[in-house]
Amino acid sequence: MRKAATDEVAPDEGGGLPGASGPPPGAKATGPGGRGRPGDGAAGTRSRTMRRREALAGLAFVAPMLLLFIVFRFGPTLGAAFLSVTDYRLSGEWTFIGAGNYTRLLGDDLFWESLGVTAFYTVLYVPMTVALALGTAVLLHRTLWMRGFFRGLFFLPYVTSIVLAAVIWKWIYEVQDGLLNASLGVLGIGPVDFLGSESLVLPSIAAASAWKGFGYSMLILLAGLQSIPREVTEAATIDGVSGWQRFRWVTLPLLRPVLFFVLVIEAILGFQVFDAMYVMTAGGPVRASYSLVYFLYDAGFKFFDFGYASAVGLVLFLVVLVFSLIQRRLIGRDAD
């Protein structure tokens, strides 16, 4: 009886028959080390599907807010840009005039005067507010007793109505019955017309606005101070660094990103000043407190020249943008 050949053929390194290249039929492709490549097979397909579904679900959740943001932010901006190149009247009739409103702005002395008033007010308001906010934040950061109470007390003016705050400060600045002049009278200083003097009106309004608005920046700076690692300040103290040097060379550099944010926000608010001037001085005396937004308000709601007012609004937007970019170059670049 013939003996059948039963010798087995040894497979090669690839796992198949001799001469065969690649894995045997039905075997999964493997990467280095014998592990499957990411994304291959049914598991990879399911993973991609799950990621796609999660992305769509996240987009569905943010879509309503994103739509509202586009409609109520970009919509008015685009509408103002359209109105700025038209002669639009209250009746709804409009005529396309191109750059006519901007050319008119360049030759309007009242526009340049209001722009100068706004710039000077901002130069006064921003340092006052930031200095007051930073000083208060440092004191609160070092105070342990009733810190929450004082934090709420200093933040209270910020949540107060700007009209109410302006009325209170207008009474404080009164020549005859004002609290400030009464206090100066005790010191033998004659009554000072803070809101009636062309040289004092802007510093007076800036001081009132700084009192009203420093609370927000104070909280931002306080959060920045609390985020500084304690080990850094403790190491400087151990090295014998004085309090002022520690603040100057350790705290301020670490606080620079937060400080840059506060400066930009306060500068934008400074350029947008209107309420305090409207309530306290009505733009006087002799337009010494006639801001750019006040000029925009008169053009749009007093003379109903909406195209011209829209052009003023876009110029104000560009001025704030340029000012923010300058601050970014001078301060923000080092803050990154």
C-alpha atoms as a PDB file:
ATOM      1  CA  MET A   1       0.000   0.000   0.000  1.00  0.00           C
ATOM      2  CA  ARG A   2       1.344   3.309  -1.105  1.00  0.00           C
ATOM      3  CA  LYS A   3       2.094   5.737   1.690  1.00  0.00           C
ATOM      4  CA  ALA A   4       0.513   9.173   1.174  1.00  0.00           C
ATOM      5  CA  ALA A   5       2.757  12.190   1.487  1.00  0.00           C
ATOM      6  CA  THR A   6       1.847  14.017   4.652  1.00  0.00           C
ATOM      7  CA  ASP A   7       4.768  16.394   5.001  1.00  0.00           C
ATOM      8  CA  GLU A   8       3.569  19.935   5.862  1.00  0.00           C
ATOM      9  CA  VAL A   9       4.906  22.916   4.066  1.00  0.00           C
ATOM     10  CA  ALA A  10       6.337  25.556   6.415  1.00  0.00           C
ATOM     11  CA  PRO A  11       4.845  29.012   5.966  1.00  0.00           C
ATOM     12  CA  ASP A  12       7.096  31.962   5.183  1.00  0.00           C
ATOM     13  CA  GLU A  13       7.569  35.112   7.344  1.00  0.00           C
ATOM     14  CA  GLY A  14       4.518  36.753   5.881  1.00  0.00           C
ATOM     15  CA  GLY A  15       2.303  34.034   7.293  1.00  0.00           C
ATOM     16  CA  GLY A  16       1.283  32.572   3.865  1.00  0.00           C
ATOM     17  CA  LEU A  17       2.484  29.903   1.533  1.00  0.00           C
ATOM     18  CA  PRO A  18       5.938  29.999  -0.013  1.00  0.00           C
ATOM     19  CA  GLY A  19       6.137  32.598  -2.717  1.00  0.00           C
ATOM     20  CA  ALA A  20       3.026  34.368  -1.486  1.00  0.00           C
ATOM     21  CA  SER A  21       3.424  38.099  -0.733  1.00  0.00           C
ATOM     22  CA  GLY A  22       1.370  39.782   1.968  1.00  0.00           C
ATOM     23  CA  PRO A  23      -0.962  38.301   4.579  1.00  0.00           C
ATOM     24  CA  PRO A  24      -3.156  35.331   3.936  1.00  0.00           C
ATOM     25  CA  PRO A  25      -6.665  35.896   2.635  1.00  0.00           C
ATOM     26  CA  GLY A  26      -9.028  37.244   5.304  1.00  0.00           C
ATOM     27  CA  ALA A  27      -6.253  38.482   7.584  1.00  0.00           C
ATOM     28  CA  LYS A  28      -6.330  42.144   8.696  1.00  0.00           C
ATOM     29  CA  ALA A  29      -3.507  44.474   7.703  1.00  0.00           C
ATOM     30  CA  THR A  30      -1.163  45.230  10.502  1.00  0.00           C
ATOM     31  CA  GLY A  31       1.165  48.080  11.158  1.00  0.00           C
ATOM     32  CA  PRO A  32       4.491  48.095  12.944  1.00  0.00           C
ATOM     33  CA  GLY A  33       4.549  45.829  15.908  1.00  0.00           C
ATOM     34  CA  GLY A  34       1.652  43.764  14.623  1.00  0.00           C
ATOM     35  CA  ARG A  35      -1.021  46.259  15.684  1.00  0.00           C
ATOM     36  CA  GLY A  36      -3.859  47.319  13.407  1.00  0.00           C
ATOM     37  CA  ARG A  37      -3.615  50.702  11.759  1.00  0.00           C
ATOM     38  CA  PRO A  38      -5.866  53.405  13.228  1.00  0.00           C
ATOM     39  CA  GLY A  39      -9.158  53.834  11.464  1.00  0.00           C
ATOM     40  CA  ASP A  40      -9.048  50.432   9.670  1.00  0.00           C
ATOM     41  CA  GLY A  41     -11.976  48.108   9.770  1.00  0.00           C
ATOM     42  CA  ALA A  42     -15.412  48.413  11.324  1.00  0.00           C
ATOM     43  CA  ALA A  43     -14.104  49.926  14.579  1.00  0.00           C
ATOM     44  CA  GLY A  44     -12.491  52.832  12.746  1.00  0.00           C
ATOM     45  CA  THR A  45     -15.643  53.462  10.728  1.00  0.00           C
ATOM     46  CA  ARG A  46     -17.767  53.528  13.879  1.00  0.00           C
ATOM     47  CA  SER A  47     -15.297  55.932  15.520  1.00  0.00           C
ATOM     48  CA  ARG A  48     -15.456  58.350  12.587  1.00  0.00           C
ATOM     49  CA  THR A  49     -19.243  58.147  12.573  1.00  0.00           C
ATOM     50  CA  MET A  50     -19.416  58.931  16.299  1.00  0.00           C
ATOM     51  CA  ARG A  51     -17.104  61.921  15.905  1.00  0.00           C
ATOM     52  CA  ARG A  52     -19.199  63.214  13.036  1.00  0.00           C
ATOM     53  CA  ARG A  53     -22.389  62.831  15.055  1.00  0.00           C
ATOM     54  CA  GLU A  54     -20.862  64.603  18.069  1.00  0.00           C
ATOM     55  CA  ALA A  55     -19.734  67.500  15.871  1.00  0.00           C
ATOM     56  CA  LEU A  56     -23.212  67.818  14.354  1.00  0.00           C
ATOM     57  CA  ALA A  57     -24.814  67.650  17.796  1.00  0.00           C
ATOM     58  CA  GLY A  58     -22.511  70.386  19.101  1.00  0.00           C
ATOM     59  CA  LEU A  59     -23.250  72.540  16.068  1.00  0.00           C
ATOM     60  CA  ALA A  60     -26.978  72.034  16.597  1.00  0.00           C
ATOM     61  CA  PHE A  61     -26.661  73.259  20.191  1.00  0.00           C
ATOM     62  CA  VAL A  62     -24.715  76.418  19.315  1.00  0.00           C
ATOM     63  CA  ALA A  63     -26.622  77.156  16.091  1.00  0.00           C
ATOM     64  CA  PRO A  64     -29.443  79.221  17.723  1.00  0.00           C
ATOM     65  CA  MET A  65     -27.006  81.457  19.609  1.00  0.00           C
ATOM     66  CA  LEU A  66     -24.734  81.716  16.592  1.00  0.00           C
ATOM     67  CA  LEU A  67     -27.689  82.735  14.445  1.00  0.00           C
ATOM     68  CA  LEU A  68     -28.759  85.385  16.965  1.00  0.00           C
ATOM     69  CA  PHE A  69     -25.191  86.690  17.120  1.00  0.00           C
ATOM     70  CA  ILE A  70     -25.004  86.974  13.334  1.00  0.00           C
ATOM     71  CA  VAL A  71     -28.422  88.621  13.019  1.00  0.00           C
ATOM     72  CA  PHE A  72     -28.084  91.120  15.872  1.00  0.00           C
ATOM     73  CA  ARG A  73     -24.355  91.846  15.552  1.00  0.00           C
ATOM     74  CA  PHE A  74     -23.374  91.602  11.917  1.00  0.00           C
ATOM     75  CA  GLY A  75     -26.822  92.577  10.662  1.00  0.00           C
ATOM     76  CA  PRO A  76     -26.824  96.093  12.165  1.00  0.00           C
ATOM     77  CA  THR A  77     -23.190  96.566  11.163  1.00  0.00           C
ATOM     78  CA  LEU A  78     -23.946  95.728   7.550  1.00  0.00           C
ATOM     79  CA  GLY A  79     -27.055  97.898   7.706  1.00  0.00           C
ATOM     80  CA  ALA A  80     -25.027 100.842   9.035  1.00  0.00           C
ATOM     81  CA  ALA A  81     -22.439 100.323   6.297  1.00  0.00           C
ATOM     82  CA  PHE A  82     -25.220 100.468   3.700  1.00  0.00           C
ATOM     83  CA  LEU A  83     -26.818 103.563   5.246  1.00  0.00           C
ATOM     84  CA  SER A  84     -23.457 105.333   5.379  1.00  0.00           C
ATOM     85  CA  VAL A  85     -23.301 105.465   1.576  1.00  0.00           C
ATOM     86  CA  THR A  86     -26.864 106.730   1.189  1.00  0.00           C
ATOM     87  CA  ASP A  87     -28.886 109.827   1.917  1.00  0.00           C
ATOM     88  CA  TYR A  88     -31.513 108.113   4.075  1.00  0.00           C
ATOM     89  CA  ARG A  89     -34.370 110.107   5.523  1.00  0.00           C
ATOM     90  CA  LEU A  90     -37.039 109.438   8.143  1.00  0.00           C
ATOM     91  CA  SER A  91     -39.673 108.863   5.456  1.00  0.00           C
ATOM     92  CA  GLY A  92     -37.781 105.781   4.264  1.00  0.00           C
ATOM     93  CA  GLU A  93     -36.618 107.343   1.021  1.00  0.00           C
ATOM     94  CA  TRP A  94     -32.942 107.006   0.250  1.00  0.00           C
ATOM     95  CA  THR A  95     -30.506 107.940  -2.460  1.00  0.00           C
ATOM     96  CA  PHE A  96     -27.143 106.326  -3.088  1.00  0.00           C
ATOM     97  CA  ILE A  97     -24.404 108.954  -2.726  1.00  0.00           C
ATOM     98  CA  GLY A  98     -21.293 106.776  -2.389  1.00  0.00           C
ATOM     99  CA  ALA A  99     -18.586 108.376  -0.264  1.00  0.00           C
ATOM    100  CA  GLY A 100     -20.482 111.646   0.024  1.00  0.00           C
ATOM    101  CA  ASN A 101     -21.098 111.323   3.770  1.00  0.00           C
ATOM    102  CA  TYR A 102     -17.429 110.574   4.446  1.00  0.00           C
ATOM    103  CA  THR A 103     -16.311 113.519   2.334  1.00  0.00           C
ATOM    104  CA  ARG A 104     -18.730 115.680   4.280  1.00  0.00           C
ATOM    105  CA  LEU A 105     -17.253 114.390   7.553  1.00  0.00           C
ATOM    106  CA  LEU A 106     -13.739 115.371   6.546  1.00  0.00           C
ATOM    107  CA  GLY A 107     -14.853 118.963   6.065  1.00  0.00           C
ATOM    108  CA  ASP A 108     -17.031 119.159   9.180  1.00  0.00           C
ATOM    109  CA  ASP A 109     -15.292 121.151  11.919  1.00  0.00           C
ATOM    110  CA  LEU A 110     -17.808 119.925  14.498  1.00  0.00           C
ATOM    111  CA  PHE A 111     -16.822 116.336  13.760  1.00  0.00           C
ATOM    112  CA  TRP A 112     -13.127 117.040  14.352  1.00  0.00           C
ATOM    113  CA  GLU A 113     -13.945 118.998  17.499  1.00  0.00           C
ATOM    114  CA  SER A 114     -16.024 116.138  18.916  1.00  0.00           C
ATOM    115  CA  LEU A 115     -13.305 113.634  17.977  1.00  0.00           C
ATOM    116  CA  GLY A 116     -10.733 115.704  19.858  1.00  0.00           C
ATOM    117  CA  VAL A 117     -12.999 115.928  22.911  1.00  0.00           C
ATOM    118  CA  THR A 118     -13.507 112.144  22.844  1.00  0.00           C
ATOM    119  CA  ALA A 119      -9.789 111.423  22.519  1.00  0.00           C
ATOM    120  CA  PHE A 120      -8.905 113.788  25.379  1.00  0.00           C
ATOM    121  CA  TYR A 121     -11.635 112.314  27.577  1.00  0.00           C
ATOM    122  CA  THR A 122     -10.355 108.784  26.865  1.00  0.00           C
ATOM    123  CA  VAL A 123      -6.805 109.795  27.776  1.00  0.00           C
ATOM    124  CA  LEU A 124      -8.149 111.039  31.117  1.00  0.00           C
ATOM    125  CA  TYR A 125     -10.654 108.268  31.788  1.00  0.00           C
ATOM    126  CA  VAL A 126      -8.572 105.149  31.051  1.00  0.00           C
ATOM    127  CA  PRO A 127      -5.632 105.852  33.431  1.00  0.00           C
ATOM    128  CA  MET A 128      -8.035 106.926  36.184  1.00  0.00           C
ATOM    129  CA  THR A 129     -10.136 103.793  35.883  1.00  0.00           C
ATOM    130  CA  VAL A 130      -7.276 101.326  35.506  1.00  0.00           C
ATOM    131  CA  ALA A 131      -5.274 102.870  38.369  1.00  0.00           C
ATOM    132  CA  LEU A 132      -8.313 102.818  40.657  1.00  0.00           C
ATOM    133  CA  ALA A 133      -9.188  99.252  39.636  1.00  0.00           C
ATOM    134  CA  LEU A 134      -5.618  97.982  40.022  1.00  0.00           C
ATOM    135  CA  GLY A 135      -5.085  99.630  43.389  1.00  0.00           C
ATOM    136  CA  THR A 136      -8.383  98.296  44.731  1.00  0.00           C
ATOM    137  CA  ALA A 137      -7.661  94.804  43.366  1.00  0.00           C
ATOM    138  CA  VAL A 138      -4.247  94.733  45.070  1.00  0.00           C
ATOM    139  CA  LEU A 139      -5.773  95.810  48.385  1.00  0.00           C
ATOM    140  CA  LEU A 140      -8.518  93.180  48.134  1.00  0.00           C
ATOM    141  CA  HIS A 141      -5.963  90.539  47.175  1.00  0.00           C
ATOM    142  CA  ARG A 142      -3.966  91.244  50.336  1.00  0.00           C
ATOM    143  CA  THR A 143      -6.990  91.684  52.607  1.00  0.00           C
ATOM    144  CA  LEU A 144      -8.374  88.617  54.333  1.00  0.00           C
ATOM    145  CA  TRP A 145     -10.879  90.281  56.676  1.00  0.00           C
ATOM    146  CA  MET A 146     -14.352  90.789  55.095  1.00  0.00           C
ATOM    147  CA  ARG A 147     -12.939  90.470  51.579  1.00  0.00           C
ATOM    148  CA  GLY A 148     -16.307  89.451  50.121  1.00  0.00           C
ATOM    149  CA  PHE A 149     -18.055  92.440  51.687  1.00  0.00           C
ATOM    150  CA  PHE A 150     -15.559  94.948  50.324  1.00  0.00           C
ATOM    151  CA  ARG A 151     -15.572  93.270  46.925  1.00  0.00           C
ATOM    152  CA  GLY A 152     -19.338  93.716  46.692  1.00  0.00           C
ATOM    153  CA  LEU A 153     -19.108  97.264  48.033  1.00  0.00           C
ATOM    154  CA  PHE A 154     -16.562  98.341  45.416  1.00  0.00           C
ATOM    155  CA  PHE A 155     -18.485  96.583  42.645  1.00  0.00           C
ATOM    156  CA  LEU A 156     -21.783  98.251  43.583  1.00  0.00           C
ATOM    157  CA  PRO A 157     -21.252 101.453  41.524  1.00  0.00           C
ATOM    158  CA  TYR A 158     -20.793  99.369  38.371  1.00  0.00           C
ATOM    159  CA  VAL A 159     -24.283  97.878  38.611  1.00  0.00           C
ATOM    160  CA  THR A 160     -25.787 101.291  39.356  1.00  0.00           C
ATOM    161  CA  SER A 161     -27.617 103.021  36.518  1.00  0.00           C
ATOM    162  CA  ILE A 162     -25.335 105.405  34.635  1.00  0.00           C
ATOM    163  CA  VAL A 163     -28.101 108.027  34.629  1.00  0.00           C
ATOM    164  CA  LEU A 164     -28.528 107.761  38.391  1.00  0.00           C
ATOM    165  CA  ALA A 165     -24.762 107.945  38.907  1.00  0.00           C
ATOM    166  CA  ALA A 166     -24.550 111.009  36.659  1.00  0.00           C
ATOM    167  CA  VAL A 167     -27.351 112.742  38.576  1.00  0.00           C
ATOM    168  CA  ILE A 168     -25.592 112.036  41.897  1.00  0.00           C
ATOM    169  CA  TRP A 169     -22.267 113.368  40.631  1.00  0.00           C
ATOM    170  CA  LYS A 170     -23.961 116.396  39.129  1.00  0.00           C
ATOM    171  CA  TRP A 171     -25.252 117.228  42.606  1.00  0.00           C
ATOM    172  CA  ILE A 172     -21.782 116.595  44.096  1.00  0.00           C
ATOM    173  CA  TYR A 173     -20.279 119.072  41.607  1.00  0.00           C
ATOM    174  CA  GLU A 174     -22.924 121.783  42.191  1.00  0.00           C
ATOM    175  CA  VAL A 175     -21.436 125.209  42.769  1.00  0.00           C
ATOM    176  CA  GLN A 176     -23.718 126.315  45.613  1.00  0.00           C
ATOM    177  CA  ASP A 177     -25.104 123.211  47.321  1.00  0.00           C
ATOM    178  CA  GLY A 178     -22.712 120.534  46.082  1.00  0.00           C
ATOM    179  CA  LEU A 179     -20.987 118.183  48.498  1.00  0.00           C
ATOM    180  CA  LEU A 180     -17.550 118.757  47.000  1.00  0.00           C
ATOM    181  CA  ASN A 181     -17.750 122.552  47.129  1.00  0.00           C
ATOM    182  CA  ALA A 182     -19.089 122.380  50.677  1.00  0.00           C
ATOM    183  CA  SER A 183     -16.043 120.317  51.661  1.00  0.00           C
ATOM    184  CA  LEU A 184     -13.718 122.750  49.880  1.00  0.00           C
ATOM    185  CA  GLY A 185     -15.406 125.650  51.687  1.00  0.00           C
ATOM    186  CA  VAL A 186     -14.386 124.144  55.022  1.00  0.00           C
ATOM    187  CA  LEU A 187     -10.782 124.325  53.810  1.00  0.00           C
ATOM    188  CA  GLY A 188     -11.225 127.946  52.776  1.00  0.00           C
ATOM    189  CA  ILE A 189     -11.284 127.254  49.055  1.00  0.00           C
ATOM    190  CA  GLY A 190     -13.898 129.216  47.131  1.00  0.00           C
ATOM    191  CA  PRO A 191     -16.643 127.457  45.142  1.00  0.00           C
ATOM    192  CA  VAL A 192     -15.398 125.858  41.937  1.00  0.00           C
ATOM    193  CA  ASP A 193     -17.655 125.440  38.906  1.00  0.00           C
ATOM    194  CA  PHE A 194     -16.496 121.957  37.928  1.00  0.00           C
ATOM    195  CA  LEU A 195     -19.093 121.396  35.207  1.00  0.00           C
ATOM    196  CA  GLY A 196     -19.206 124.987  33.986  1.00  0.00           C
ATOM    197  CA  SER A 197     -15.480 125.376  33.330  1.00  0.00           C
ATOM    198  CA  GLU A 198     -14.108 124.395  29.932  1.00  0.00           C
ATOM    199  CA  SER A 199     -10.859 123.190  31.491  1.00  0.00           C
ATOM    200  CA  LEU A 200     -12.448 121.211  34.359  1.00  0.00           C
ATOM    201  CA  VAL A 201     -15.511 119.668  32.787  1.00  0.00           C
ATOM    202  CA  LEU A 202     -13.798 116.694  31.110  1.00  0.00           C
ATOM    203  CA  PRO A 203     -11.647 115.740  34.144  1.00  0.00           C
ATOM    204  CA  SER A 204     -14.765 116.009  36.316  1.00  0.00           C
ATOM    205  CA  ILE A 205     -16.827 113.745  34.056  1.00  0.00           C
ATOM    206  CA  ALA A 206     -13.903 111.326  33.695  1.00  0.00           C
ATOM    207  CA  ALA A 207     -13.585 111.074  37.489  1.00  0.00           C
ATOM    208  CA  ALA A 208     -17.312 110.361  37.846  1.00  0.00           C
ATOM    209  CA  SER A 209     -17.180 107.753  35.069  1.00  0.00           C
ATOM    210  CA  ALA A 210     -14.106 106.118  36.624  1.00  0.00           C
ATOM    211  CA  TRP A 211     -15.959 105.791  39.941  1.00  0.00           C
ATOM    212  CA  LYS A 212     -18.913 104.313  38.094  1.00  0.00           C
ATOM    213  CA  GLY A 213     -17.021 101.784  35.974  1.00  0.00           C
ATOM    214  CA  PHE A 214     -13.902 100.656  37.834  1.00  0.00           C
ATOM    215  CA  GLY A 215     -15.663  97.726  39.550  1.00  0.00           C
ATOM    216  CA  TYR A 216     -15.682  95.502  36.481  1.00  0.00           C
ATOM    217  CA  SER A 217     -11.971  95.975  35.792  1.00  0.00           C
ATOM    218  CA  MET A 218     -11.274  95.495  39.488  1.00  0.00           C
ATOM    219  CA  LEU A 219     -12.793  91.999  39.422  1.00  0.00           C
ATOM    220  CA  ILE A 220     -10.874  91.077  36.267  1.00  0.00           C
ATOM    221  CA  LEU A 221      -7.582  92.250  37.765  1.00  0.00           C
ATOM    222  CA  LEU A 222      -8.358  90.551  41.072  1.00  0.00           C
ATOM    223  CA  ALA A 223      -8.891  87.271  39.240  1.00  0.00           C
ATOM    224  CA  GLY A 224      -5.562  87.812  37.475  1.00  0.00           C
ATOM    225  CA  LEU A 225      -3.782  88.439  40.778  1.00  0.00           C
ATOM    226  CA  GLN A 226      -5.264  85.302  42.308  1.00  0.00           C
ATOM    227  CA  SER A 227      -4.081  83.243  39.336  1.00  0.00           C
ATOM    228  CA  ILE A 228      -0.413  84.166  39.938  1.00  0.00           C
ATOM    229  CA  PRO A 229       1.363  81.211  41.567  1.00  0.00           C
ATOM    230  CA  ARG A 230       2.057  81.910  45.230  1.00  0.00           C
ATOM    231  CA  GLU A 231       5.413  80.162  44.960  1.00  0.00           C
ATOM    232  CA  VAL A 232       6.719  82.940  42.710  1.00  0.00           C
ATOM    233  CA  THR A 233       5.945  85.750  45.155  1.00  0.00           C
ATOM    234  CA  GLU A 234       7.118  83.692  48.117  1.00  0.00           C
ATOM    235  CA  ALA A 235      10.447  83.042  46.397  1.00  0.00           C
ATOM    236  CA  ALA A 236      10.874  86.768  45.769  1.00  0.00           C
ATOM    237  CA  THR A 237      10.077  87.493  49.422  1.00  0.00           C
ATOM    238  CA  ILE A 238      12.629  84.956  50.599  1.00  0.00           C
ATOM    239  CA  ASP A 239      15.222  86.601  48.346  1.00  0.00           C
ATOM    240  CA  GLY A 240      14.650  89.853  50.224  1.00  0.00           C
ATOM    241  CA  VAL A 241      12.750  91.730  47.487  1.00  0.00           C
ATOM    242  CA  SER A 242      10.738  94.661  48.836  1.00  0.00           C
ATOM    243  CA  GLY A 243       7.012  94.973  48.367  1.00  0.00           C
ATOM    244  CA  TRP A 244       7.212  97.593  45.612  1.00  0.00           C
ATOM    245  CA  GLN A 245       9.963  95.722  43.748  1.00  0.00           C
ATOM    246  CA  ARG A 246       7.973  92.502  44.012  1.00  0.00           C
ATOM    247  CA  PHE A 247       4.949  94.266  42.550  1.00  0.00           C
ATOM    248  CA  ARG A 248       6.989  96.000  39.829  1.00  0.00           C
ATOM    249  CA  TRP A 249       9.167  93.103  38.680  1.00  0.00           C
ATOM    250  CA  VAL A 250       7.078  90.042  39.538  1.00  0.00           C
ATOM    251  CA  THR A 251       3.363  90.852  39.740  1.00  0.00           C
ATOM    252  CA  LEU A 252       3.020  93.322  36.877  1.00  0.00           C
ATOM    253  CA  PRO A 253       4.790  91.188  34.232  1.00  0.00           C
ATOM    254  CA  LEU A 254       2.634  88.195  35.137  1.00  0.00           C
ATOM    255  CA  LEU A 255      -0.461  90.413  35.137  1.00  0.00           C
ATOM    256  CA  ARG A 256       0.294  91.924  31.714  1.00  0.00           C
ATOM    257  CA  PRO A 257      -2.230  89.847  29.666  1.00  0.00           C
ATOM    258  CA  VAL A 258      -5.080  90.744  32.031  1.00  0.00           C
ATOM    259  CA  LEU A 259      -3.955  94.362  32.149  1.00  0.00           C
ATOM    260  CA  PHE A 260      -3.941  94.517  28.352  1.00  0.00           C
ATOM    261  CA  PHE A 261      -7.521  93.217  28.241  1.00  0.00           C
ATOM    262  CA  VAL A 262      -8.647  95.797  30.790  1.00  0.00           C
ATOM    263  CA  LEU A 263      -6.944  98.650  28.915  1.00  0.00           C
ATOM    264  CA  VAL A 264      -8.620  97.718  25.635  1.00  0.00           C
ATOM    265  CA  ILE A 265     -12.063  97.379  27.227  1.00  0.00           C
ATOM    266  CA  GLU A 266     -11.796 100.689  29.076  1.00  0.00           C
ATOM    267  CA  ALA A 267     -10.487 102.477  25.969  1.00  0.00           C
ATOM    268  CA  ILE A 268     -13.485 101.247  23.976  1.00  0.00           C
ATOM    269  CA  LEU A 269     -15.827 102.462  26.722  1.00  0.00           C
ATOM    270  CA  GLY A 270     -14.018 105.799  26.787  1.00  0.00           C
ATOM    271  CA  PHE A 271     -14.554 106.365  23.071  1.00  0.00           C
ATOM    272  CA  GLN A 272     -18.236 105.466  23.459  1.00  0.00           C
ATOM    273  CA  VAL A 273     -18.992 107.967  26.227  1.00  0.00           C
ATOM    274  CA  PHE A 274     -22.374 109.654  25.910  1.00  0.00           C
ATOM    275  CA  ASP A 275     -24.725 109.131  28.871  1.00  0.00           C
ATOM    276  CA  ALA A 276     -22.674 110.976  31.485  1.00  0.00           C
ATOM    277  CA  MET A 277     -22.140 113.979  29.217  1.00  0.00           C
ATOM    278  CA  TYR A 278     -25.769 114.045  28.165  1.00  0.00           C
ATOM    279  CA  VAL A 279     -27.050 114.076  31.758  1.00  0.00           C
ATOM    280  CA  MET A 280     -24.388 116.184  33.459  1.00  0.00           C
ATOM    281  CA  THR A 281     -23.587 118.891  30.904  1.00  0.00           C
ATOM    282  CA  ALA A 282     -25.662 118.330  27.725  1.00  0.00           C
ATOM    283  CA  GLY A 283     -22.428 118.750  25.773  1.00  0.00           C
ATOM    284  CA  GLY A 284     -21.477 122.089  27.326  1.00  0.00           C
ATOM    285  CA  PRO A 285     -20.055 124.447  28.177  1.00  0.00           C
ATOM    286  CA  VAL A 286     -19.426 125.657  24.626  1.00  0.00           C
ATOM    287  CA  ARG A 287     -19.242 122.023  23.415  1.00  0.00           C
ATOM    288  CA  ALA A 288     -16.316 121.320  25.761  1.00  0.00           C
ATOM    289  CA  SER A 289     -17.933 117.954  26.556  1.00  0.00           C
ATOM    290  CA  TYR A 290     -19.436 117.260  23.140  1.00  0.00           C
ATOM    291  CA  SER A 291     -18.276 113.722  22.386  1.00  0.00           C
ATOM    292  CA  LEU A 292     -18.290 111.835  19.093  1.00  0.00           C
ATOM    293  CA  VAL A 293     -21.251 109.694  20.135  1.00  0.00           C
ATOM    294  CA  TYR A 294     -23.080 112.877  21.126  1.00  0.00           C
ATOM    295  CA  PHE A 295     -22.393 114.180  17.622  1.00  0.00           C
ATOM    296  CA  LEU A 296     -23.736 110.907  16.198  1.00  0.00           C
ATOM    297  CA  TYR A 297     -26.841 111.184  18.398  1.00  0.00           C
ATOM    298  CA  ASP A 298     -27.585 114.714  17.214  1.00  0.00           C
ATOM    299  CA  ALA A 299     -27.092 113.794  13.560  1.00  0.00           C
ATOM    300  CA  GLY A 300     -29.380 110.769  13.754  1.00  0.00           C
ATOM    301  CA  PHE A 301     -32.058 111.646  16.302  1.00  0.00           C
ATOM    302  CA  LYS A 302     -32.096 115.426  16.240  1.00  0.00           C
ATOM    303  CA  PHE A 303     -31.631 116.154  12.549  1.00  0.00           C
ATOM    304  CA  PHE A 304     -32.735 112.680  11.298  1.00  0.00           C
ATOM    305  CA  ASP A 305     -29.767 112.464   8.960  1.00  0.00           C
ATOM    306  CA  PHE A 306     -29.359 108.701   9.322  1.00  0.00           C
ATOM    307  CA  GLY A 307     -26.859 108.236   6.508  1.00  0.00           C
ATOM    308  CA  TYR A 308     -24.530 110.810   7.984  1.00  0.00           C
ATOM    309  CA  ALA A 309     -24.955 109.356  11.482  1.00  0.00           C
ATOM    310  CA  SER A 310     -24.121 105.878  10.148  1.00  0.00           C
ATOM    311  CA  ALA A 311     -20.935 107.230   8.608  1.00  0.00           C
ATOM    312  CA  VAL A 312     -19.988 108.703  11.999  1.00  0.00           C
ATOM    313  CA  GLY A 313     -20.637 105.314  13.614  1.00  0.00           C
ATOM    314  CA  LEU A 314     -18.360 103.488  11.172  1.00  0.00           C
ATOM    315  CA  VAL A 315     -15.620 106.073  11.650  1.00  0.00           C
ATOM    316  CA  LEU A 316     -15.937 105.572  15.398  1.00  0.00           C
ATOM    317  CA  PHE A 317     -15.613 101.819  14.871  1.00  0.00           C
ATOM    318  CA  LEU A 318     -12.429 102.316  12.829  1.00  0.00           C
ATOM    319  CA  VAL A 319     -10.972 104.696  15.414  1.00  0.00           C
ATOM    320  CA  VAL A 320     -11.563 102.169  18.207  1.00  0.00           C
ATOM    321  CA  LEU A 321     -10.107  99.393  16.045  1.00  0.00           C
ATOM    322  CA  VAL A 322      -6.940 101.366  15.297  1.00  0.00           C
ATOM    323  CA  PHE A 323      -6.568 102.339  18.943  1.00  0.00           C
ATOM    324  CA  SER A 324      -6.941  98.697  20.000  1.00  0.00           C
ATOM    325  CA  LEU A 325      -4.351  97.579  17.449  1.00  0.00           C
ATOM    326  CA  ILE A 326      -1.905 100.181  18.730  1.00  0.00           C
ATOM    327  CA  GLN A 327      -2.405  98.928  22.264  1.00  0.00           C
ATOM    328  CA  ARG A 328      -1.958  95.387  20.981  1.00  0.00           C
ATOM    329  CA  ARG A 329       1.392  96.293  19.457  1.00  0.00           C
ATOM    330  CA  LEU A 330       2.653  98.199  22.481  1.00  0.00           C
ATOM    331  CA  ILE A 331       1.353  95.962  25.279  1.00  0.00           C
ATOM    332  CA  GLY A 332      -0.374  92.875  24.008  1.00  0.00           C
ATOM    333  CA  ARG A 333       2.556  91.467  22.028  1.00  0.00           C
ATOM    334  CA  ASP A 334       4.589  91.114  25.215  1.00  0.00           C
ATOM    335  CA  ALA A 335       1.553  89.688  27.001  1.00  0.00           C
ATOM    336  CA  ASP A 336       1.367  86.589  24.769  1.00  0.00           C
END
